[in-house]
C-alpha atoms as a PDB file:
ATOM      1  CA  MET A   1      50.836 -21.893  44.318  1.00  0.00           C
ATOM      2  CA  GLU A   2      54.021 -22.414  46.270  1.00  0.00           C
ATOM      3  CA  TRP A   3      57.313 -20.777  46.900  1.00  0.00           C
ATOM      4  CA  VAL A   4      59.691 -20.014  44.012  1.00  0.00           C
ATOM      5  CA  GLU A   5      63.659 -19.420  45.578  1.00  0.00           C
ATOM      6  CA  ILE A   6      65.206 -16.066  43.497  1.00  0.00           C
ATOM      7  CA  LYS A   7      68.226 -16.997  43.229  1.00  0.00           C
ATOM      8  CA  GLY A   8      69.432 -14.310  40.482  1.00  0.00           C
ATOM      9  CA  ASN A   9      68.766 -11.434  38.053  1.00  0.00           C
ATOM     10  CA  ASP A  10      66.969 -14.515  35.580  1.00  0.00           C
ATOM     11  CA  ASP A  11      64.812 -15.083  38.687  1.00  0.00           C
ATOM     12  CA  ILE A  12      64.279 -11.753  40.010  1.00  0.00           C
ATOM     13  CA  LYS A  13      63.142 -10.896  36.324  1.00  0.00           C
ATOM     14  CA  GLY A  14      60.512 -13.268  35.878  1.00  0.00           C
ATOM     15  CA  LEU A  15      58.788 -12.152  39.233  1.00  0.00           C
ATOM     16  CA  LEU A  16      58.722  -8.996  37.580  1.00  0.00           C
ATOM     17  CA  GLU A  17      56.623  -9.926  35.199  1.00  0.00           C
ATOM     18  CA  LEU A  18      54.490 -12.234  37.044  1.00  0.00           C
ATOM     19  CA  PHE A  19      53.380  -9.462  38.743  1.00  0.00           C
ATOM     20  CA  GLY A  20      53.474  -7.463  36.294  1.00  0.00           C
ATOM     21  CA  TYR A  21      56.165  -4.578  38.467  1.00  0.00           C
ATOM     22  CA  PHE A  22      54.350  -4.201  41.327  1.00  0.00           C
ATOM     23  CA  HIS A  23      51.995  -1.628  39.392  1.00  0.00           C
ATOM     24  CA  ASP A  24      48.756  -0.833  40.801  1.00  0.00           C
ATOM     25  CA  SER A  25      50.157  -3.052  44.046  1.00  0.00           C
ATOM     26  CA  CYS A  26      50.374  -1.888  47.810  1.00  0.00           C
ATOM     27  CA  LEU A  27      52.132  -3.834  50.320  1.00  0.00           C
ATOM     28  CA  LYS A  28      49.526  -5.218  52.884  1.00  0.00           C
ATOM     29  CA  GLU A  29      51.157  -6.869  55.292  1.00  0.00           C
ATOM     30  CA  LEU A  30      54.912  -6.975  56.708  1.00  0.00           C
ATOM     31  CA  MET A  31      56.457  -9.611  59.398  1.00  0.00           C
ATOM     32  CA  MET A  32      59.649 -10.055  60.510  1.00  0.00           C
ATOM     33  CA  TRP A  33      60.816 -12.447  62.886  1.00  0.00           C
ATOM     34  CA  THR A  34      64.144 -13.937  64.826  1.00  0.00           C
ATOM     35  CA  ASP A  35      65.028 -16.659  66.852  1.00  0.00           C
ATOM     36  CA  SER A  36      65.964 -14.580  70.091  1.00  0.00           C
ATOM     37  CA  TYR A  37      63.032 -15.230  72.706  1.00  0.00           C
ATOM     38  CA  VAL A  38      63.331 -14.900  76.565  1.00  0.00           C
ATOM     39  CA  ASP A  39      62.171 -18.301  78.254  1.00  0.00           C
ATOM     40  CA  HIS A  40      59.436 -18.644  80.883  1.00  0.00           C
ATOM     41  CA  ASP A  41      62.591 -17.882  83.826  1.00  0.00           C
ATOM     42  CA  ARG A  42      63.397 -14.754  81.979  1.00  0.00           C
ATOM     43  CA  SER A  43      66.574 -16.407  79.928  1.00  0.00           C
ATOM     44  CA  MET A  44      67.919 -15.502  76.835  1.00  0.00           C
ATOM     45  CA  SER A  45      68.180 -16.409  74.094  1.00  0.00           C
ATOM     46  CA  VAL A  46      69.712 -14.838  71.292  1.00  0.00           C
ATOM     47  CA  GLY A  47      70.173 -16.580  67.964  1.00  0.00           C
ATOM     48  CA  LEU A  48      73.916 -16.845  66.163  1.00  0.00           C
ATOM     49  CA  GLY A  49      75.044 -14.945  62.969  1.00  0.00           C
ATOM     50  CA  LEU A  50      71.385 -13.458  60.833  1.00  0.00           C
ATOM     51  CA  ASP A  51      68.383 -14.631  62.225  1.00  0.00           C
ATOM     52  CA  THR A  52      66.371 -12.288  60.693  1.00  0.00           C
ATOM     53  CA  LYS A  53      62.924 -13.686  58.984  1.00  0.00           C
ATOM     54  CA  MET A  54      60.511 -11.530  56.442  1.00  0.00           C
ATOM     55  CA  GLN A  55      57.480 -11.930  54.865  1.00  0.00           C
ATOM     56  CA  MET A  56      55.776  -9.847  52.707  1.00  0.00           C
ATOM     57  CA  LEU A  57      51.683  -9.489  51.569  1.00  0.00           C
ATOM     58  CA  PHE A  58      51.566  -7.499  48.696  1.00  0.00           C
ATOM     59  CA  HIS A  59      48.064  -7.122  46.851  1.00  0.00           C
ATOM     60  CA  ARG A  60      47.039  -5.997  43.197  1.00  0.00           C
ATOM     61  CA  GLN A  61      44.675  -4.282  41.261  1.00  0.00           C
ATOM     62  CA  PHE A  62      45.177  -7.477  38.546  1.00  0.00           C
ATOM     63  CA  ASN A  63      44.662 -11.307  38.730  1.00  0.00           C
ATOM     64  CA  ASN A  64      46.595 -13.719  38.037  1.00  0.00           C
ATOM     65  CA  PRO A  65      47.847 -13.700  40.586  1.00  0.00           C
ATOM     66  CA  SER A  66      46.575 -10.473  42.412  1.00  0.00           C
ATOM     67  CA  ALA A  67      48.650 -11.111  45.597  1.00  0.00           C
ATOM     68  CA  ILE A  68      52.249 -12.519  46.386  1.00  0.00           C
ATOM     69  CA  GLY A  69      53.794 -13.522  49.103  1.00  0.00           C
ATOM     70  CA  ILE A  70      57.831 -13.066  49.397  1.00  0.00           C
ATOM     71  CA  LEU A  71      59.840 -14.398  52.844  1.00  0.00           C
ATOM     72  CA  PHE A  72      63.252 -13.532  52.600  1.00  0.00           C
ATOM     73  CA  GLU A  73      65.103 -16.023  54.818  1.00  0.00           C
END
C-alpha cells in the first residue's frame, strides 16, 4: 500500500472508516526525529522552523488492513 495524503475532514473520515475507527487497535511503534544533529567535531546543526517528524504504526484485530502507518510532517 502507498502513502495517502490527508488534506481535510473528508480524508480524516476516510482514514477512520478504513481502519474501523481504530477499534481493537493498539499503537505498536512510534518514532520521532528532527533534522538537528551534532557533527563529528561536536558542532551542532539545528534545523530552521518546525522540522519535527513523527511516524506511528498501529495494529488491529481485523484484516484489510491489519496495520496502518501514519506519518506527521
